[in-house]
Amino acid sequence: MVAVYRHRETTERPRRYTRDMTREERLEVMKILAAHADTVGICEACARTTRDLAHEVARGGTPSKDDLLKTAEEAERVLEQLRSVRDEVERLVTSVG
């Protein structure tokens, strides 16, 4: 695979991606990576909640009103986090593009 690093074509990956980056660029990249890690964690939590709810219903059980309210509250918290991640990604896209 041929990749372009810092405007030069090469088949070798640099030993360290941050070598030619400024401190500010590294901080921005770290923000992006942290946002992606948060998003993965949020998606995992949503998948676990969905799985657990599906298992409960499949067993013929009905979650209690309190459990459903807790799930709804958690979903709202997750949606707010995702909005924050989306806003940051959109900000970065605008600043780069």
PDB file of N, CA and C in Angstrom:
ATOM      1  N   MET A   1       0.834  -1.178   0.000  1.00  0.00           N
ATOM      2  CA  MET A   1       0.000   0.000   0.000  1.00  0.00           C
ATOM      3  C   MET A   1       0.878   1.240   0.000  1.00  0.00           C
ATOM      4  N   VAL A   2       0.537   2.186  -0.825  1.00  0.00           N
ATOM      5  CA  VAL A   2       1.287   3.436  -0.890  1.00  0.00           C
ATOM      6  C   VAL A   2       0.513   4.481  -0.110  1.00  0.00           C
ATOM      7  N   ALA A   3       1.182   5.174   0.746  1.00  0.00           N
ATOM      8  CA  ALA A   3       0.552   6.217   1.548  1.00  0.00           C
ATOM      9  C   ALA A   3       1.322   7.514   1.378  1.00  0.00           C
ATOM     10  N   VAL A   4       0.644   8.601   1.659  1.00  0.00           N
ATOM     11  CA  VAL A   4       1.295   9.902   1.574  1.00  0.00           C
ATOM     12  C   VAL A   4       1.415  10.462   2.987  1.00  0.00           C
ATOM     13  N   TYR A   5       2.629  10.729   3.400  1.00  0.00           N
ATOM     14  CA  TYR A   5       2.903  11.319   4.704  1.00  0.00           C
ATOM     15  C   TYR A   5       3.629  12.634   4.472  1.00  0.00           C
ATOM     16  N   ARG A   6       3.032  13.692   4.970  1.00  0.00           N
ATOM     17  CA  ARG A   6       3.655  15.019   4.854  1.00  0.00           C
ATOM     18  C   ARG A   6       4.052  15.327   3.418  1.00  0.00           C
ATOM     19  N   HIS A   7       3.136  15.088   2.492  1.00  0.00           N
ATOM     20  CA  HIS A   7       3.300  15.437   1.078  1.00  0.00           C
ATOM     21  C   HIS A   7       4.376  14.659   0.356  1.00  0.00           C
ATOM     22  N   ARG A   8       4.710  13.476   0.808  1.00  0.00           N
ATOM     23  CA  ARG A   8       5.648  12.646   0.068  1.00  0.00           C
ATOM     24  C   ARG A   8       5.084  11.239   0.001  1.00  0.00           C
ATOM     25  N   GLU A   9       5.254  10.642  -1.142  1.00  0.00           N
ATOM     26  CA  GLU A   9       4.731   9.300  -1.338  1.00  0.00           C
ATOM     27  C   GLU A   9       5.757   8.283  -0.857  1.00  0.00           C
ATOM     28  N   THR A  10       5.281   7.279  -0.120  1.00  0.00           N
ATOM     29  CA  THR A  10       6.188   6.284   0.414  1.00  0.00           C
ATOM     30  C   THR A  10       5.429   4.991   0.695  1.00  0.00           C
ATOM     31  N   THR A  11       6.141   3.908   0.779  1.00  0.00           N
ATOM     32  CA  THR A  11       5.525   2.650   1.187  1.00  0.00           C
ATOM     33  C   THR A  11       5.906   2.314   2.617  1.00  0.00           C
ATOM     34  N   GLU A  12       6.737   3.133   3.217  1.00  0.00           N
ATOM     35  CA  GLU A  12       7.151   2.923   4.603  1.00  0.00           C
ATOM     36  C   GLU A  12       6.413   3.894   5.501  1.00  0.00           C
ATOM     37  N   ARG A  13       5.984   3.382   6.638  1.00  0.00           N
ATOM     38  CA  ARG A  13       5.342   4.245   7.612  1.00  0.00           C
ATOM     39  C   ARG A  13       6.412   4.924   8.449  1.00  0.00           C
ATOM     40  N   PRO A  14       6.186   6.157   8.816  1.00  0.00           N
ATOM     41  CA  PRO A  14       7.173   6.814   9.672  1.00  0.00           C
ATOM     42  C   PRO A  14       7.265   6.095  11.009  1.00  0.00           C
ATOM     43  N   ARG A  15       8.425   6.125  11.617  1.00  0.00           N
ATOM     44  CA  ARG A  15       8.610   5.460  12.915  1.00  0.00           C
ATOM     45  C   ARG A  15       7.704   6.068  13.971  1.00  0.00           C
ATOM     46  N   ARG A  16       7.512   7.352  13.850  1.00  0.00           N
ATOM     47  CA  ARG A  16       6.684   8.032  14.835  1.00  0.00           C
ATOM     48  C   ARG A  16       5.868   9.087  14.108  1.00  0.00           C
ATOM     49  N   TYR A  17       4.546   8.952  14.175  1.00  0.00           N
ATOM     50  CA  TYR A  17       3.665   9.864  13.448  1.00  0.00           C
ATOM     51  C   TYR A  17       3.788  11.302  13.925  1.00  0.00           C
ATOM     52  N   THR A  18       4.144  11.497  15.168  1.00  0.00           N
ATOM     53  CA  THR A  18       4.166  12.848  15.729  1.00  0.00           C
ATOM     54  C   THR A  18       5.478  13.582  15.485  1.00  0.00           C
ATOM     55  N   ARG A  19       6.424  12.967  14.812  1.00  0.00           N
ATOM     56  CA  ARG A  19       7.749  13.579  14.647  1.00  0.00           C
ATOM     57  C   ARG A  19       7.669  14.996  14.061  1.00  0.00           C
ATOM     58  N   ASP A  20       6.868  15.185  13.009  1.00  0.00           N
ATOM     59  CA  ASP A  20       6.809  16.480  12.340  1.00  0.00           C
ATOM     60  C   ASP A  20       5.620  17.331  12.784  1.00  0.00           C
ATOM     61  N   MET A  21       4.964  16.943  13.854  1.00  0.00           N
ATOM     62  CA  MET A  21       3.795  17.671  14.311  1.00  0.00           C
ATOM     63  C   MET A  21       4.179  18.684  15.381  1.00  0.00           C
ATOM     64  N   THR A  22       3.457  19.785  15.359  1.00  0.00           N
ATOM     65  CA  THR A  22       3.638  20.773  16.426  1.00  0.00           C
ATOM     66  C   THR A  22       2.899  20.284  17.666  1.00  0.00           C
ATOM     67  N   ARG A  23       3.160  20.915  18.763  1.00  0.00           N
ATOM     68  CA  ARG A  23       2.474  20.558  20.010  1.00  0.00           C
ATOM     69  C   ARG A  23       0.973  20.742  19.854  1.00  0.00           C
ATOM     70  N   GLU A  24       0.554  21.815  19.217  1.00  0.00           N
ATOM     71  CA  GLU A  24      -0.866  22.092  19.017  1.00  0.00           C
ATOM     72  C   GLU A  24      -1.516  21.027  18.134  1.00  0.00           C
ATOM     73  N   GLU A  25      -0.799  20.600  17.091  1.00  0.00           N
ATOM     74  CA  GLU A  25      -1.328  19.552  16.215  1.00  0.00           C
ATOM     75  C   GLU A  25      -1.484  18.240  16.980  1.00  0.00           C
ATOM     76  N   ARG A  26      -0.502  17.917  17.804  1.00  0.00           N
ATOM     77  CA  ARG A  26      -0.599  16.688  18.611  1.00  0.00           C
ATOM     78  C   ARG A  26      -1.793  16.748  19.553  1.00  0.00           C
ATOM     79  N   LEU A  27      -2.022  17.911  20.173  1.00  0.00           N
ATOM     80  CA  LEU A  27      -3.157  18.065  21.079  1.00  0.00           C
ATOM     81  C   LEU A  27      -4.478  17.879  20.334  1.00  0.00           C
ATOM     82  N   GLU A  28      -4.574  18.425  19.134  1.00  0.00           N
ATOM     83  CA  GLU A  28      -5.788  18.264  18.338  1.00  0.00           C
ATOM     84  C   GLU A  28      -6.013  16.797  17.971  1.00  0.00           C
ATOM     85  N   VAL A  29      -4.951  16.108  17.586  1.00  0.00           N
ATOM     86  CA  VAL A  29      -5.069  14.684  17.256  1.00  0.00           C
ATOM     87  C   VAL A  29      -5.499  13.904  18.492  1.00  0.00           C
ATOM     88  N   MET A  30      -4.939  14.236  19.636  1.00  0.00           N
ATOM     89  CA  MET A  30      -5.319  13.542  20.866  1.00  0.00           C
ATOM     90  C   MET A  30      -6.783  13.801  21.216  1.00  0.00           C
ATOM     91  N   LYS A  31      -7.273  15.018  20.949  1.00  0.00           N
ATOM     92  CA  LYS A  31      -8.683  15.309  21.180  1.00  0.00           C
ATOM     93  C   LYS A  31      -9.565  14.432  20.294  1.00  0.00           C
ATOM     94  N   ILE A  32      -9.160  14.284  19.045  1.00  0.00           N
ATOM     95  CA  ILE A  32      -9.930  13.461  18.111  1.00  0.00           C
ATOM     96  C   ILE A  32      -9.938  12.010  18.577  1.00  0.00           C
ATOM     97  N   LEU A  33      -8.777  11.508  18.960  1.00  0.00           N
ATOM     98  CA  LEU A  33      -8.693  10.127  19.421  1.00  0.00           C
ATOM     99  C   LEU A  33      -9.522   9.917  20.692  1.00  0.00           C
ATOM    100  N   ALA A  34      -9.479  10.873  21.595  1.00  0.00           N
ATOM    101  CA  ALA A  34     -10.269  10.767  22.825  1.00  0.00           C
ATOM    102  C   ALA A  34     -11.761  10.764  22.503  1.00  0.00           C
ATOM    103  N   ALA A  35     -12.166  11.593  21.550  1.00  0.00           N
ATOM    104  CA  ALA A  35     -13.578  11.628  21.152  1.00  0.00           C
ATOM    105  C   ALA A  35     -13.998  10.287  20.550  1.00  0.00           C
ATOM    106  N   HIS A  36     -13.137   9.710  19.732  1.00  0.00           N
ATOM    107  CA  HIS A  36     -13.453   8.400  19.151  1.00  0.00           C
ATOM    108  C   HIS A  36     -13.536   7.330  20.239  1.00  0.00           C
ATOM    109  N   ALA A  37     -12.633   7.361  21.185  1.00  0.00           N
ATOM    110  CA  ALA A  37     -12.664   6.385  22.282  1.00  0.00           C
ATOM    111  C   ALA A  37     -13.951   6.539  23.097  1.00  0.00           C
ATOM    112  N   ASP A  38     -14.354   7.786  23.357  1.00  0.00           N
ATOM    113  CA  ASP A  38     -15.609   8.030  24.068  1.00  0.00           C
ATOM    114  C   ASP A  38     -16.791   7.481  23.280  1.00  0.00           C
ATOM    115  N   THR A  39     -16.788   7.708  21.982  1.00  0.00           N
ATOM    116  CA  THR A  39     -17.881   7.247  21.129  1.00  0.00           C
ATOM    117  C   THR A  39     -17.987   5.723  21.152  1.00  0.00           C
ATOM    118  N   VAL A  40     -16.856   5.054  21.085  1.00  0.00           N
ATOM    119  CA  VAL A  40     -16.861   3.585  21.144  1.00  0.00           C
ATOM    120  C   VAL A  40     -17.436   3.127  22.486  1.00  0.00           C
ATOM    121  N   GLY A  41     -17.028   3.753  23.566  1.00  0.00           N
ATOM    122  CA  GLY A  41     -17.552   3.395  24.884  1.00  0.00           C
ATOM    123  C   GLY A  41     -19.052   3.612  24.982  1.00  0.00           C
ATOM    124  N   ILE A  42     -19.528   4.711  24.423  1.00  0.00           N
ATOM    125  CA  ILE A  42     -20.958   5.009  24.420  1.00  0.00           C
ATOM    126  C   ILE A  42     -21.715   3.950  23.608  1.00  0.00           C
ATOM    127  N   CYS A  43     -21.184   3.607  22.458  1.00  0.00           N
ATOM    128  CA  CYS A  43     -21.826   2.597  21.612  1.00  0.00           C
ATOM    129  C   CYS A  43     -21.857   1.237  22.303  1.00  0.00           C
ATOM    130  N   GLU A  44     -20.781   0.897  22.995  1.00  0.00           N
ATOM    131  CA  GLU A  44     -20.751  -0.361  23.745  1.00  0.00           C
ATOM    132  C   GLU A  44     -21.828  -0.374  24.828  1.00  0.00           C
ATOM    133  N   ALA A  45     -21.965   0.732  25.543  1.00  0.00           N
ATOM    134  CA  ALA A  45     -22.978   0.814  26.601  1.00  0.00           C
ATOM    135  C   ALA A  45     -24.382   0.681  26.010  1.00  0.00           C
ATOM    136  N   CYS A  46     -24.619   1.314  24.885  1.00  0.00           N
ATOM    137  CA  CYS A  46     -25.930   1.217  24.232  1.00  0.00           C
ATOM    138  C   CYS A  46     -26.208  -0.207  23.772  1.00  0.00           C
ATOM    139  N   ALA A  47     -25.212  -0.846  23.203  1.00  0.00           N
ATOM    140  CA  ALA A  47     -25.382  -2.219  22.733  1.00  0.00           C
ATOM    141  C   ALA A  47     -25.668  -3.156  23.906  1.00  0.00           C
ATOM    142  N   ARG A  48     -24.961  -2.979  25.024  1.00  0.00           N
ATOM    143  CA  ARG A  48     -25.207  -3.822  26.194  1.00  0.00           C
ATOM    144  C   ARG A  48     -26.625  -3.623  26.733  1.00  0.00           C
ATOM    145  N   THR A  49     -27.060  -2.365  26.795  1.00  0.00           N
ATOM    146  CA  THR A  49     -28.404  -2.072  27.287  1.00  0.00           C
ATOM    147  C   THR A  49     -29.458  -2.684  26.375  1.00  0.00           C
ATOM    148  N   THR A  50     -29.269  -2.538  25.077  1.00  0.00           N
ATOM    149  CA  THR A  50     -30.211  -3.110  24.115  1.00  0.00           C
ATOM    150  C   THR A  50     -30.245  -4.627  24.235  1.00  0.00           C
ATOM    151  N   ARG A  51     -29.071  -5.247  24.342  1.00  0.00           N
ATOM    152  CA  ARG A  51     -28.980  -6.704  24.492  1.00  0.00           C
ATOM    153  C   ARG A  51     -29.694  -7.157  25.757  1.00  0.00           C
ATOM    154  N   ASP A  52     -29.424  -6.487  26.870  1.00  0.00           N
ATOM    155  CA  ASP A  52     -30.033  -6.881  28.141  1.00  0.00           C
ATOM    156  C   ASP A  52     -31.553  -6.738  28.094  1.00  0.00           C
ATOM    157  N   LEU A  53     -32.029  -5.663  27.497  1.00  0.00           N
ATOM    158  CA  LEU A  53     -33.476  -5.453  27.374  1.00  0.00           C
ATOM    159  C   LEU A  53     -34.097  -6.530  26.491  1.00  0.00           C
ATOM    160  N   ALA A  54     -33.444  -6.855  25.382  1.00  0.00           N
ATOM    161  CA  ALA A  54     -33.957  -7.888  24.478  1.00  0.00           C
ATOM    162  C   ALA A  54     -34.011  -9.246  25.179  1.00  0.00           C
ATOM    163  N   HIS A  55     -32.980  -9.576  25.961  1.00  0.00           N
ATOM    164  CA  HIS A  55     -32.979 -10.840  26.704  1.00  0.00           C
ATOM    165  C   HIS A  55     -34.113 -10.875  27.724  1.00  0.00           C
ATOM    166  N   GLU A  56     -34.322  -9.781  28.389  1.00  0.00           N
ATOM    167  CA  GLU A  56     -35.402  -9.694  29.393  1.00  0.00           C
ATOM    168  C   GLU A  56     -36.751  -9.941  28.738  1.00  0.00           C
ATOM    169  N   VAL A  57     -37.001  -9.277  27.623  1.00  0.00           N
ATOM    170  CA  VAL A  57     -38.277  -9.437  26.925  1.00  0.00           C
ATOM    171  C   VAL A  57     -38.398 -10.845  26.339  1.00  0.00           C
ATOM    172  N   ALA A  58     -37.303 -11.386  25.791  1.00  0.00           N
ATOM    173  CA  ALA A  58     -37.321 -12.731  25.211  1.00  0.00           C
ATOM    174  C   ALA A  58     -37.652 -13.789  26.264  1.00  0.00           C
ATOM    175  N   ARG A  59     -37.245 -13.563  27.495  1.00  0.00           N
ATOM    176  CA  ARG A  59     -37.547 -14.509  28.575  1.00  0.00           C
ATOM    177  C   ARG A  59     -38.992 -14.375  29.035  1.00  0.00           C
ATOM    178  N   GLY A  60     -39.699 -13.424  28.454  1.00  0.00           N
ATOM    179  CA  GLY A  60     -41.091 -13.215  28.844  1.00  0.00           C
ATOM    180  C   GLY A  60     -41.243 -12.216  29.959  1.00  0.00           C
ATOM    181  N   GLY A  61     -40.145 -11.635  30.346  1.00  0.00           N
ATOM    182  CA  GLY A  61     -40.181 -10.659  31.425  1.00  0.00           C
ATOM    183  C   GLY A  61     -40.534  -9.276  30.898  1.00  0.00           C
ATOM    184  N   THR A  62     -41.007  -8.491  31.787  1.00  0.00           N
ATOM    185  CA  THR A  62     -41.280  -7.098  31.463  1.00  0.00           C
ATOM    186  C   THR A  62     -40.460  -6.259  32.431  1.00  0.00           C
ATOM    187  N   PRO A  63     -39.577  -5.426  31.885  1.00  0.00           N
ATOM    188  CA  PRO A  63     -38.777  -4.585  32.780  1.00  0.00           C
ATOM    189  C   PRO A  63     -39.695  -3.700  33.632  1.00  0.00           C
ATOM    190  N   SER A  64     -39.255  -3.452  34.824  1.00  0.00           N
ATOM    191  CA  SER A  64     -40.051  -2.590  35.706  1.00  0.00           C
ATOM    192  C   SER A  64     -40.039  -1.157  35.182  1.00  0.00           C
ATOM    193  N   LYS A  65     -41.031  -0.411  35.623  1.00  0.00           N
ATOM    194  CA  LYS A  65     -41.112   0.993  35.223  1.00  0.00           C
ATOM    195  C   LYS A  65     -39.842   1.734  35.630  1.00  0.00           C
ATOM    196  N   ASP A  66     -39.338   1.451  36.831  1.00  0.00           N
ATOM    197  CA  ASP A  66     -38.114   2.111  37.304  1.00  0.00           C
ATOM    198  C   ASP A  66     -36.915   1.782  36.410  1.00  0.00           C
ATOM    199  N   ASP A  67     -36.797   0.500  36.016  1.00  0.00           N
ATOM    200  CA  ASP A  67     -35.693   0.104  35.134  1.00  0.00           C
ATOM    201  C   ASP A  67     -35.791   0.805  33.782  1.00  0.00           C
ATOM    202  N   LEU A  68     -37.012   0.902  33.262  1.00  0.00           N
ATOM    203  CA  LEU A  68     -37.193   1.582  31.976  1.00  0.00           C
ATOM    204  C   LEU A  68     -36.894   3.075  32.088  1.00  0.00           C
ATOM    205  N   LEU A  69     -37.282   3.678  33.189  1.00  0.00           N
ATOM    206  CA  LEU A  69     -36.978   5.100  33.393  1.00  0.00           C
ATOM    207  C   LEU A  69     -35.478   5.323  33.521  1.00  0.00           C
ATOM    208  N   LYS A  70     -34.786   4.417  34.228  1.00  0.00           N
ATOM    209  CA  LYS A  70     -33.321   4.523  34.337  1.00  0.00           C
ATOM    210  C   LYS A  70     -32.674   4.381  32.962  1.00  0.00           C
ATOM    211  N   THR A  71     -33.194   3.452  32.162  1.00  0.00           N
ATOM    212  CA  THR A  71     -32.659   3.265  30.813  1.00  0.00           C
ATOM    213  C   THR A  71     -32.890   4.512  29.972  1.00  0.00           C
ATOM    214  N   ALA A  72     -34.072   5.110  30.081  1.00  0.00           N
ATOM    215  CA  ALA A  72     -34.374   6.329  29.331  1.00  0.00           C
ATOM    216  C   ALA A  72     -33.460   7.475  29.762  1.00  0.00           C
ATOM    217  N   GLU A  73     -33.218   7.588  31.063  1.00  0.00           N
ATOM    218  CA  GLU A  73     -32.313   8.630  31.566  1.00  0.00           C
ATOM    219  C   GLU A  73     -30.896   8.414  31.044  1.00  0.00           C
ATOM    220  N   GLU A  74     -30.452   7.170  31.069  1.00  0.00           N
ATOM    221  CA  GLU A  74     -29.113   6.849  30.567  1.00  0.00           C
ATOM    222  C   GLU A  74     -29.025   7.147  29.075  1.00  0.00           C
ATOM    223  N   ALA A  75     -30.082   6.823  28.341  1.00  0.00           N
ATOM    224  CA  ALA A  75     -30.100   7.105  26.898  1.00  0.00           C
ATOM    225  C   ALA A  75     -29.992   8.606  26.647  1.00  0.00           C
ATOM    226  N   GLU A  76     -30.665   9.409  27.444  1.00  0.00           N
ATOM    227  CA  GLU A  76     -30.567  10.868  27.296  1.00  0.00           C
ATOM    228  C   GLU A  76     -29.145  11.351  27.560  1.00  0.00           C
ATOM    229  N   ARG A  77     -28.512  10.786  28.582  1.00  0.00           N
ATOM    230  CA  ARG A  77     -27.123  11.159  28.902  1.00  0.00           C
ATOM    231  C   ARG A  77     -26.211  10.785  27.735  1.00  0.00           C
ATOM    232  N   VAL A  78     -26.406   9.592  27.189  1.00  0.00           N
ATOM    233  CA  VAL A  78     -25.598   9.124  26.068  1.00  0.00           C
ATOM    234  C   VAL A  78     -25.814  10.021  24.844  1.00  0.00           C
ATOM    235  N   LEU A  79     -27.065  10.364  24.569  1.00  0.00           N
ATOM    236  CA  LEU A  79     -27.353  11.237  23.428  1.00  0.00           C
ATOM    237  C   LEU A  79     -26.681  12.600  23.585  1.00  0.00           C
ATOM    238  N   GLU A  80     -26.652  13.113  24.796  1.00  0.00           N
ATOM    239  CA  GLU A  80     -25.980  14.393  25.044  1.00  0.00           C
ATOM    240  C   GLU A  80     -24.477  14.270  24.804  1.00  0.00           C
ATOM    241  N   GLN A  81     -23.880  13.157  25.254  1.00  0.00           N
ATOM    242  CA  GLN A  81     -22.455  12.947  25.000  1.00  0.00           C
ATOM    243  C   GLN A  81     -22.181  12.839  23.506  1.00  0.00           C
ATOM    244  N   LEU A  82     -23.026  12.121  22.804  1.00  0.00           N
ATOM    245  CA  LEU A  82     -22.845  11.987  21.354  1.00  0.00           C
ATOM    246  C   LEU A  82     -22.982  13.332  20.647  1.00  0.00           C
ATOM    247  N   ARG A  83     -23.906  14.168  21.119  1.00  0.00           N
ATOM    248  CA  ARG A  83     -24.034  15.510  20.528  1.00  0.00           C
ATOM    249  C   ARG A  83     -22.739  16.292  20.724  1.00  0.00           C
ATOM    250  N   SER A  84     -22.149  16.172  21.908  1.00  0.00           N
ATOM    251  CA  SER A  84     -20.892  16.865  22.178  1.00  0.00           C
ATOM    252  C   SER A  84     -19.770  16.356  21.277  1.00  0.00           C
ATOM    253  N   VAL A  85     -19.701  15.043  21.104  1.00  0.00           N
ATOM    254  CA  VAL A  85     -18.682  14.464  20.220  1.00  0.00           C
ATOM    255  C   VAL A  85     -18.907  14.930  18.794  1.00  0.00           C
ATOM    256  N   ARG A  86     -20.162  14.875  18.330  1.00  0.00           N
ATOM    257  CA  ARG A  86     -20.479  15.319  16.969  1.00  0.00           C
ATOM    258  C   ARG A  86     -20.096  16.789  16.775  1.00  0.00           C
ATOM    259  N   ASP A  87     -20.424  17.624  17.747  1.00  0.00           N
ATOM    260  CA  ASP A  87     -20.076  19.050  17.654  1.00  0.00           C
ATOM    261  C   ASP A  87     -18.572  19.241  17.531  1.00  0.00           C
ATOM    262  N   GLU A  88     -17.803  18.494  18.314  1.00  0.00           N
ATOM    263  CA  GLU A  88     -16.340  18.619  18.263  1.00  0.00           C
ATOM    264  C   GLU A  88     -15.809  18.139  16.917  1.00  0.00           C
ATOM    265  N   VAL A  89     -16.331  17.027  16.426  1.00  0.00           N
ATOM    266  CA  VAL A  89     -15.897  16.530  15.123  1.00  0.00           C
ATOM    267  C   VAL A  89     -16.232  17.544  14.031  1.00  0.00           C
ATOM    268  N   GLU A  90     -17.415  18.095  14.054  1.00  0.00           N
ATOM    269  CA  GLU A  90     -17.799  19.106  13.061  1.00  0.00           C
ATOM    270  C   GLU A  90     -16.897  20.338  13.157  1.00  0.00           C
ATOM    271  N   ARG A  91     -16.545  20.739  14.376  1.00  0.00           N
ATOM    272  CA  ARG A  91     -15.642  21.880  14.562  1.00  0.00           C
ATOM    273  C   ARG A  91     -14.280  21.581  13.928  1.00  0.00           C
ATOM    274  N   LEU A  92     -13.776  20.373  14.187  1.00  0.00           N
ATOM    275  CA  LEU A  92     -12.473  20.005  13.638  1.00  0.00           C
ATOM    276  C   LEU A  92     -12.517  19.904  12.119  1.00  0.00           C
ATOM    277  N   VAL A  93     -13.588  19.349  11.578  1.00  0.00           N
ATOM    278  CA  VAL A  93     -13.730  19.261  10.120  1.00  0.00           C
ATOM    279  C   VAL A  93     -13.737  20.655   9.524  1.00  0.00           C
ATOM    280  N   THR A  94     -14.454  21.564  10.127  1.00  0.00           N
ATOM    281  CA  THR A  94     -14.509  22.945   9.633  1.00  0.00           C
ATOM    282  C   THR A  94     -13.145  23.612   9.711  1.00  0.00           C
ATOM    283  N   SER A  95     -12.422  23.370  10.790  1.00  0.00           N
ATOM    284  CA  SER A  95     -11.118  24.024  10.954  1.00  0.00           C
ATOM    285  C   SER A  95     -10.079  23.448   9.993  1.00  0.00           C
ATOM    286  N   VAL A  96     -10.224  22.175   9.605  1.00  0.00           N
ATOM    287  CA  VAL A  96      -9.269  21.557   8.692  1.00  0.00           C
ATOM    288  C   VAL A  96      -9.628  21.858   7.241  1.00  0.00           C
ATOM    289  N   GLY A  97     -10.918  21.789   6.935  1.00  0.00           N
ATOM    290  CA  GLY A  97     -11.354  21.885   5.545  1.00  0.00           C
ATOM    291  C   GLY A  97     -11.620  23.259   5.093  1.00  0.00           C
TER     292      GLY A  97
END
